[in-house]
Amino acid sequence: MDFGQSEFDRLLFFEHARKDAEAAYAKNPQDAENLTSWAGALLELSQFQNRADSVKFVKDAVSKLEEALEINPRKHDALWCLGNAHTSHAFFLEDIEAAKPHFAKARQCFQLALDEDPDNQLYVKSLELSSKAPELHVEIHRQIANQTAASRGSSSLNTKVSKKKKNSDMKYDILGWVILAVGIIAWVGMAKSHVPHPPPR
């Protein structure tokens, strides 16, 4: 995947954030805020990977978020981020039946986040959109299948390299809306974690 300068900058930013969170975890594994930020960075980094590695990054993020929620079960931003992680995982799966449990978990997480912070409009919107996610999944994967079939039909005109690039670009375009939501929470988490602490007296 070719990166523009802004994508490359984002990749470097979230890779740096991931390393910072990993170092902070070594010093204090009970910091739920750090675990949430770490998961947000992993979710952002997942979009720069191939499908198999993307799923690994998402699963790692889920693990960090579950750990944060063991420390603080009412941490609404971790619940919301966990909902986004399950949504991302579902969209990486081609089979809707395999994706449905992830969509159900996502919806549950969004509801729990909203229960903890009822005035948060982002949580309200996420819960609303989660009910439409399974049908969007079916439509997206149908379009991918149609595009793949069409590109196979014209394979004599294309090289293998250009077909791989087209399929890869299509996958990243379609999953972009999912990653946008994840990016918001990751950015908020990073912003919170990088607020300078007052100097010691």
C-alpha atoms as a PDB file:
ATOM      1  CA  MET A   1       0.000   0.000   0.000  1.00  0.00           C
ATOM      2  CA  ASP A   2       1.421   3.362  -1.025  1.00  0.00           C
ATOM      3  CA  PHE A   3       1.240   6.040   1.661  1.00  0.00           C
ATOM      4  CA  GLY A   4       0.816   9.737   1.114  1.00  0.00           C
ATOM      5  CA  GLN A   5       2.619  12.081   3.486  1.00  0.00           C
ATOM      6  CA  SER A   6      -0.411  12.488   5.783  1.00  0.00           C
ATOM      7  CA  GLU A   7      -0.910   8.703   6.059  1.00  0.00           C
ATOM      8  CA  PHE A   8       2.788   8.248   6.750  1.00  0.00           C
ATOM      9  CA  ASP A   9       2.640  10.949   9.453  1.00  0.00           C
ATOM     10  CA  ARG A  10      -0.365   9.204  11.042  1.00  0.00           C
ATOM     11  CA  LEU A  11       1.441   5.876  10.936  1.00  0.00           C
ATOM     12  CA  LEU A  12       4.475   7.377  12.689  1.00  0.00           C
ATOM     13  CA  PHE A  13       2.306   9.197  15.251  1.00  0.00           C
ATOM     14  CA  PHE A  14       0.356   6.095  16.267  1.00  0.00           C
ATOM     15  CA  GLU A  15       3.430   3.858  16.212  1.00  0.00           C
ATOM     16  CA  HIS A  16       5.109   6.317  18.592  1.00  0.00           C
ATOM     17  CA  ALA A  17       1.951   6.386  20.751  1.00  0.00           C
ATOM     18  CA  ARG A  18       1.912   2.571  20.832  1.00  0.00           C
ATOM     19  CA  LYS A  19       5.534   2.438  21.987  1.00  0.00           C
ATOM     20  CA  ASP A  20       4.900   5.114  24.640  1.00  0.00           C
ATOM     21  CA  ALA A  21       1.886   3.199  25.945  1.00  0.00           C
ATOM     22  CA  GLU A  22       3.862  -0.042  26.015  1.00  0.00           C
ATOM     23  CA  ALA A  23       6.612   1.651  28.046  1.00  0.00           C
ATOM     24  CA  ALA A  24       4.060   3.231  30.399  1.00  0.00           C
ATOM     25  CA  TYR A  25       2.409  -0.170  30.879  1.00  0.00           C
ATOM     26  CA  ALA A  26       5.740  -1.661  31.994  1.00  0.00           C
ATOM     27  CA  LYS A  27       5.865   0.987  34.759  1.00  0.00           C
ATOM     28  CA  ASN A  28       2.161   0.837  35.717  1.00  0.00           C
ATOM     29  CA  PRO A  29       0.031  -2.019  34.351  1.00  0.00           C
ATOM     30  CA  GLN A  30      -3.002  -0.780  36.332  1.00  0.00           C
ATOM     31  CA  ASP A  31      -3.445   2.455  34.315  1.00  0.00           C
ATOM     32  CA  ALA A  32      -6.785   2.016  32.517  1.00  0.00           C
ATOM     33  CA  GLU A  33      -6.329   5.297  30.628  1.00  0.00           C
ATOM     34  CA  ASN A  34      -2.994   4.129  29.216  1.00  0.00           C
ATOM     35  CA  LEU A  35      -4.454   0.753  28.206  1.00  0.00           C
ATOM     36  CA  THR A  36      -7.289   2.537  26.398  1.00  0.00           C
ATOM     37  CA  SER A  37      -4.829   4.804  24.587  1.00  0.00           C
ATOM     38  CA  TRP A  38      -2.681   1.808  23.664  1.00  0.00           C
ATOM     39  CA  ALA A  39      -5.716   0.032  22.211  1.00  0.00           C
ATOM     40  CA  GLY A  40      -6.672   3.152  20.257  1.00  0.00           C
ATOM     41  CA  ALA A  41      -3.194   3.299  18.732  1.00  0.00           C
ATOM     42  CA  LEU A  42      -3.391  -0.401  17.802  1.00  0.00           C
ATOM     43  CA  LEU A  43      -6.766   0.125  16.127  1.00  0.00           C
ATOM     44  CA  GLU A  44      -5.351   3.015  14.109  1.00  0.00           C
ATOM     45  CA  LEU A  45      -2.292   0.977  13.136  1.00  0.00           C
ATOM     46  CA  SER A  46      -4.527  -1.914  12.046  1.00  0.00           C
ATOM     47  CA  GLN A  47      -5.582   0.013   8.969  1.00  0.00           C
ATOM     48  CA  PHE A  48      -2.014   0.072   7.666  1.00  0.00           C
ATOM     49  CA  GLN A  49      -1.688  -3.733   7.696  1.00  0.00           C
ATOM     50  CA  ASN A  50      -2.738  -6.576   5.432  1.00  0.00           C
ATOM     51  CA  ARG A  51      -5.988  -8.293   6.428  1.00  0.00           C
ATOM     52  CA  ALA A  52      -4.424 -11.015   8.608  1.00  0.00           C
ATOM     53  CA  ASP A  53      -2.219  -8.551  10.481  1.00  0.00           C
ATOM     54  CA  SER A  54      -5.111  -6.096  10.798  1.00  0.00           C
ATOM     55  CA  VAL A  55      -7.139  -8.745  12.613  1.00  0.00           C
ATOM     56  CA  LYS A  56      -4.167  -9.447  14.927  1.00  0.00           C
ATOM     57  CA  PHE A  57      -3.898  -5.738  15.782  1.00  0.00           C
ATOM     58  CA  VAL A  58      -7.648  -5.546  16.449  1.00  0.00           C
ATOM     59  CA  LYS A  59      -7.549  -8.635  18.681  1.00  0.00           C
ATOM     60  CA  ASP A  60      -4.625  -7.136  20.596  1.00  0.00           C
ATOM     61  CA  ALA A  61      -6.610  -3.907  21.026  1.00  0.00           C
ATOM     62  CA  VAL A  62      -9.607  -5.888  22.335  1.00  0.00           C
ATOM     63  CA  SER A  63      -7.309  -7.562  24.859  1.00  0.00           C
ATOM     64  CA  LYS A  64      -5.994  -4.176  26.087  1.00  0.00           C
ATOM     65  CA  LEU A  65      -9.511  -2.754  26.359  1.00  0.00           C
ATOM     66  CA  GLU A  66     -10.768  -5.771  28.291  1.00  0.00           C
ATOM     67  CA  GLU A  67      -7.820  -5.339  30.642  1.00  0.00           C
ATOM     68  CA  ALA A  68      -8.688  -1.639  31.095  1.00  0.00           C
ATOM     69  CA  LEU A  69     -12.288  -2.580  31.865  1.00  0.00           C
ATOM     70  CA  GLU A  70     -11.166  -5.092  34.481  1.00  0.00           C
ATOM     71  CA  ILE A  71      -9.473  -2.162  36.235  1.00  0.00           C
ATOM     72  CA  ASN A  72     -12.386   0.239  35.693  1.00  0.00           C
ATOM     73  CA  PRO A  73     -15.593  -1.475  34.451  1.00  0.00           C
ATOM     74  CA  ARG A  74     -17.379   1.886  34.090  1.00  0.00           C
ATOM     75  CA  LYS A  75     -14.770   3.499  31.817  1.00  0.00           C
ATOM     76  CA  HIS A  76     -17.130   4.620  29.062  1.00  0.00           C
ATOM     77  CA  ASP A  77     -14.486   5.599  26.501  1.00  0.00           C
ATOM     78  CA  ALA A  78     -12.933   2.115  26.813  1.00  0.00           C
ATOM     79  CA  LEU A  79     -16.386   0.551  26.354  1.00  0.00           C
ATOM     80  CA  TRP A  80     -16.992   2.699  23.261  1.00  0.00           C
ATOM     81  CA  CYS A  81     -13.553   1.902  21.853  1.00  0.00           C
ATOM     82  CA  LEU A  82     -14.198  -1.810  22.476  1.00  0.00           C
ATOM     83  CA  GLY A  83     -17.411  -1.476  20.461  1.00  0.00           C
ATOM     84  CA  ASN A  84     -15.408  -0.004  17.591  1.00  0.00           C
ATOM     85  CA  ALA A  85     -12.839  -2.797  17.852  1.00  0.00           C
ATOM     86  CA  HIS A  86     -15.564  -5.448  17.574  1.00  0.00           C
ATOM     87  CA  THR A  87     -17.089  -3.571  14.635  1.00  0.00           C
ATOM     88  CA  SER A  88     -13.715  -3.436  12.873  1.00  0.00           C
ATOM     89  CA  HIS A  89     -13.152  -7.133  13.481  1.00  0.00           C
ATOM     90  CA  ALA A  90     -16.584  -7.943  12.037  1.00  0.00           C
ATOM     91  CA  PHE A  91     -15.887  -6.002   8.835  1.00  0.00           C
ATOM     92  CA  PHE A  92     -12.626  -7.872   8.309  1.00  0.00           C
ATOM     93  CA  LEU A  93     -14.585 -11.155   8.245  1.00  0.00           C
ATOM     94  CA  GLU A  94     -16.136 -12.090   4.909  1.00  0.00           C
ATOM     95  CA  ASP A  95     -18.825 -14.393   6.339  1.00  0.00           C
ATOM     96  CA  ILE A  96     -21.753 -12.448   7.822  1.00  0.00           C
ATOM     97  CA  GLU A  97     -22.566 -15.327  10.197  1.00  0.00           C
ATOM     98  CA  ALA A  98     -19.035 -15.127  11.624  1.00  0.00           C
ATOM     99  CA  ALA A  99     -19.333 -11.325  11.822  1.00  0.00           C
ATOM    100  CA  LYS A 100     -22.715 -11.202  13.607  1.00  0.00           C
ATOM    101  CA  PRO A 101     -21.394 -12.059  17.106  1.00  0.00           C
ATOM    102  CA  HIS A 102     -18.878  -9.202  16.800  1.00  0.00           C
ATOM    103  CA  PHE A 103     -21.638  -6.796  15.778  1.00  0.00           C
ATOM    104  CA  ALA A 104     -23.704  -7.965  18.772  1.00  0.00           C
ATOM    105  CA  LYS A 105     -20.761  -7.389  21.133  1.00  0.00           C
ATOM    106  CA  ALA A 106     -20.187  -3.962  19.592  1.00  0.00           C
ATOM    107  CA  ARG A 107     -23.816  -2.984  20.135  1.00  0.00           C
ATOM    108  CA  GLN A 108     -23.646  -4.143  23.747  1.00  0.00           C
ATOM    109  CA  CYS A 109     -20.468  -2.099  24.326  1.00  0.00           C
ATOM    110  CA  PHE A 110     -22.018   1.019  22.774  1.00  0.00           C
ATOM    111  CA  GLN A 111     -25.082   0.608  24.997  1.00  0.00           C
ATOM    112  CA  LEU A 112     -22.923   0.227  28.120  1.00  0.00           C
ATOM    113  CA  ALA A 113     -20.885   3.299  27.166  1.00  0.00           C
ATOM    114  CA  LEU A 114     -24.089   5.274  26.664  1.00  0.00           C
ATOM    115  CA  ASP A 115     -25.438   4.048  30.014  1.00  0.00           C
ATOM    116  CA  GLU A 116     -22.327   5.480  31.668  1.00  0.00           C
ATOM    117  CA  ASP A 117     -22.396   8.775  29.740  1.00  0.00           C
ATOM    118  CA  PRO A 118     -26.005   9.331  28.546  1.00  0.00           C
ATOM    119  CA  ASP A 119     -25.384  12.804  27.080  1.00  0.00           C
ATOM    120  CA  ASN A 120     -22.561  11.719  24.777  1.00  0.00           C
ATOM    121  CA  GLN A 121     -23.868  12.162  21.226  1.00  0.00           C
ATOM    122  CA  LEU A 122     -21.033  10.123  19.740  1.00  0.00           C
ATOM    123  CA  TYR A 123     -22.194   7.122  21.783  1.00  0.00           C
ATOM    124  CA  VAL A 124     -25.809   7.733  20.739  1.00  0.00           C
ATOM    125  CA  LYS A 125     -24.816   7.798  17.064  1.00  0.00           C
ATOM    126  CA  SER A 126     -22.596   4.724  17.413  1.00  0.00           C
ATOM    127  CA  LEU A 127     -25.466   2.766  18.945  1.00  0.00           C
ATOM    128  CA  GLU A 128     -27.810   3.870  16.138  1.00  0.00           C
ATOM    129  CA  LEU A 129     -25.314   2.918  13.429  1.00  0.00           C
ATOM    130  CA  SER A 130     -24.543  -0.445  15.033  1.00  0.00           C
ATOM    131  CA  SER A 131     -28.011  -1.705  14.121  1.00  0.00           C
ATOM    132  CA  LYS A 132     -27.268  -0.994  10.440  1.00  0.00           C
ATOM    133  CA  ALA A 133     -23.781  -2.539  10.465  1.00  0.00           C
ATOM    134  CA  PRO A 134     -24.749  -6.124   9.500  1.00  0.00           C
ATOM    135  CA  GLU A 135     -26.603  -5.029   6.361  1.00  0.00           C
ATOM    136  CA  LEU A 136     -23.738  -2.687   5.472  1.00  0.00           C
ATOM    137  CA  HIS A 137     -21.338  -5.622   5.927  1.00  0.00           C
ATOM    138  CA  VAL A 138     -23.356  -7.720   3.461  1.00  0.00           C
ATOM    139  CA  GLU A 139     -23.437  -4.881   0.922  1.00  0.00           C
ATOM    140  CA  ILE A 140     -19.713  -4.111   1.227  1.00  0.00           C
ATOM    141  CA  HIS A 141     -18.662  -7.731   0.807  1.00  0.00           C
ATOM    142  CA  ARG A 142     -21.099  -8.177  -2.096  1.00  0.00           C
ATOM    143  CA  GLN A 143     -19.484  -5.202  -3.847  1.00  0.00           C
ATOM    144  CA  ILE A 144     -16.002  -6.559  -3.160  1.00  0.00           C
ATOM    145  CA  ALA A 145     -17.044  -9.933  -4.614  1.00  0.00           C
ATOM    146  CA  ASN A 146     -18.547  -8.225  -7.682  1.00  0.00           C
ATOM    147  CA  GLN A 147     -15.435  -6.143  -8.221  1.00  0.00           C
ATOM    148  CA  THR A 148     -13.212  -9.194  -7.822  1.00  0.00           C
ATOM    149  CA  ALA A 149     -15.327 -11.125 -10.340  1.00  0.00           C
ATOM    150  CA  ALA A 150     -15.224  -8.197 -12.774  1.00  0.00           C
ATOM    151  CA  SER A 151     -11.451  -7.864 -12.439  1.00  0.00           C
ATOM    152  CA  ARG A 152     -11.043 -11.601 -13.077  1.00  0.00           C
ATOM    153  CA  GLY A 153     -13.141 -11.246 -16.233  1.00  0.00           C
ATOM    154  CA  SER A 154     -10.765  -8.652 -17.597  1.00  0.00           C
ATOM    155  CA  SER A 155      -7.614 -10.343 -16.322  1.00  0.00           C
ATOM    156  CA  SER A 156      -6.094 -10.543 -19.770  1.00  0.00           C
ATOM    157  CA  LEU A 157      -5.929  -6.741 -19.765  1.00  0.00           C
ATOM    158  CA  ASN A 158      -4.451  -6.366 -16.285  1.00  0.00           C
ATOM    159  CA  THR A 159      -1.292  -7.538 -14.657  1.00  0.00           C
ATOM    160  CA  LYS A 160      -1.388  -9.359 -11.333  1.00  0.00           C
ATOM    161  CA  VAL A 161       0.226  -6.401  -9.626  1.00  0.00           C
ATOM    162  CA  SER A 162      -2.417  -3.905 -10.749  1.00  0.00           C
ATOM    163  CA  LYS A 163      -5.249  -6.273  -9.719  1.00  0.00           C
ATOM    164  CA  LYS A 164      -3.777  -6.672  -6.268  1.00  0.00           C
ATOM    165  CA  LYS A 165      -3.474  -2.910  -5.971  1.00  0.00           C
ATOM    166  CA  LYS A 166      -7.111  -2.367  -7.051  1.00  0.00           C
ATOM    167  CA  ASN A 167      -8.441  -4.950  -4.588  1.00  0.00           C
ATOM    168  CA  SER A 168      -6.300  -3.543  -1.801  1.00  0.00           C
ATOM    169  CA  ASP A 169      -7.392   0.034  -2.535  1.00  0.00           C
ATOM    170  CA  MET A 170     -11.055  -1.017  -2.587  1.00  0.00           C
ATOM    171  CA  LYS A 171     -10.729  -2.782   0.770  1.00  0.00           C
ATOM    172  CA  TYR A 172      -9.164   0.274   2.390  1.00  0.00           C
ATOM    173  CA  ASP A 173     -11.740   2.645   0.868  1.00  0.00           C
ATOM    174  CA  ILE A 174     -14.652   0.588   2.121  1.00  0.00           C
ATOM    175  CA  LEU A 175     -13.280   0.054   5.607  1.00  0.00           C
ATOM    176  CA  GLY A 176     -12.441   3.729   5.927  1.00  0.00           C
ATOM    177  CA  TRP A 177     -15.697   4.673   7.637  1.00  0.00           C
ATOM    178  CA  VAL A 178     -15.074   2.064  10.324  1.00  0.00           C
ATOM    179  CA  ILE A 179     -11.565   3.302  10.900  1.00  0.00           C
ATOM    180  CA  LEU A 180     -12.774   6.905  11.081  1.00  0.00           C
ATOM    181  CA  ALA A 181     -14.780   6.118  14.208  1.00  0.00           C
ATOM    182  CA  VAL A 182     -11.839   4.262  15.692  1.00  0.00           C
ATOM    183  CA  GLY A 183      -9.569   7.180  14.822  1.00  0.00           C
ATOM    184  CA  ILE A 184     -11.735   9.596  16.767  1.00  0.00           C
ATOM    185  CA  ILE A 185     -11.418   7.629  19.994  1.00  0.00           C
ATOM    186  CA  ALA A 186      -7.723   7.009  19.434  1.00  0.00           C
ATOM    187  CA  TRP A 187      -7.105  10.703  18.868  1.00  0.00           C
ATOM    188  CA  VAL A 188      -9.120  11.668  21.955  1.00  0.00           C
ATOM    189  CA  GLY A 189      -7.246   9.079  24.007  1.00  0.00           C
ATOM    190  CA  MET A 190      -3.874  10.254  22.742  1.00  0.00           C
ATOM    191  CA  ALA A 191      -4.787  13.884  23.397  1.00  0.00           C
ATOM    192  CA  LYS A 192      -5.809  13.049  26.973  1.00  0.00           C
ATOM    193  CA  SER A 193      -2.657  11.039  27.610  1.00  0.00           C
ATOM    194  CA  HIS A 194      -0.356  13.766  26.255  1.00  0.00           C
ATOM    195  CA  VAL A 195      -1.725  16.600  28.378  1.00  0.00           C
ATOM    196  CA  PRO A 196       1.331  17.891  30.203  1.00  0.00           C
ATOM    197  CA  HIS A 197       1.385  17.153  33.898  1.00  0.00           C
ATOM    198  CA  PRO A 198       2.007  20.083  36.243  1.00  0.00           C
ATOM    199  CA  PRO A 199       5.691  20.391  37.146  1.00  0.00           C
ATOM    200  CA  PRO A 200       6.668  18.851  40.504  1.00  0.00           C
ATOM    201  CA  ARG A 201       7.077  21.333  43.343  1.00  0.00           C
END
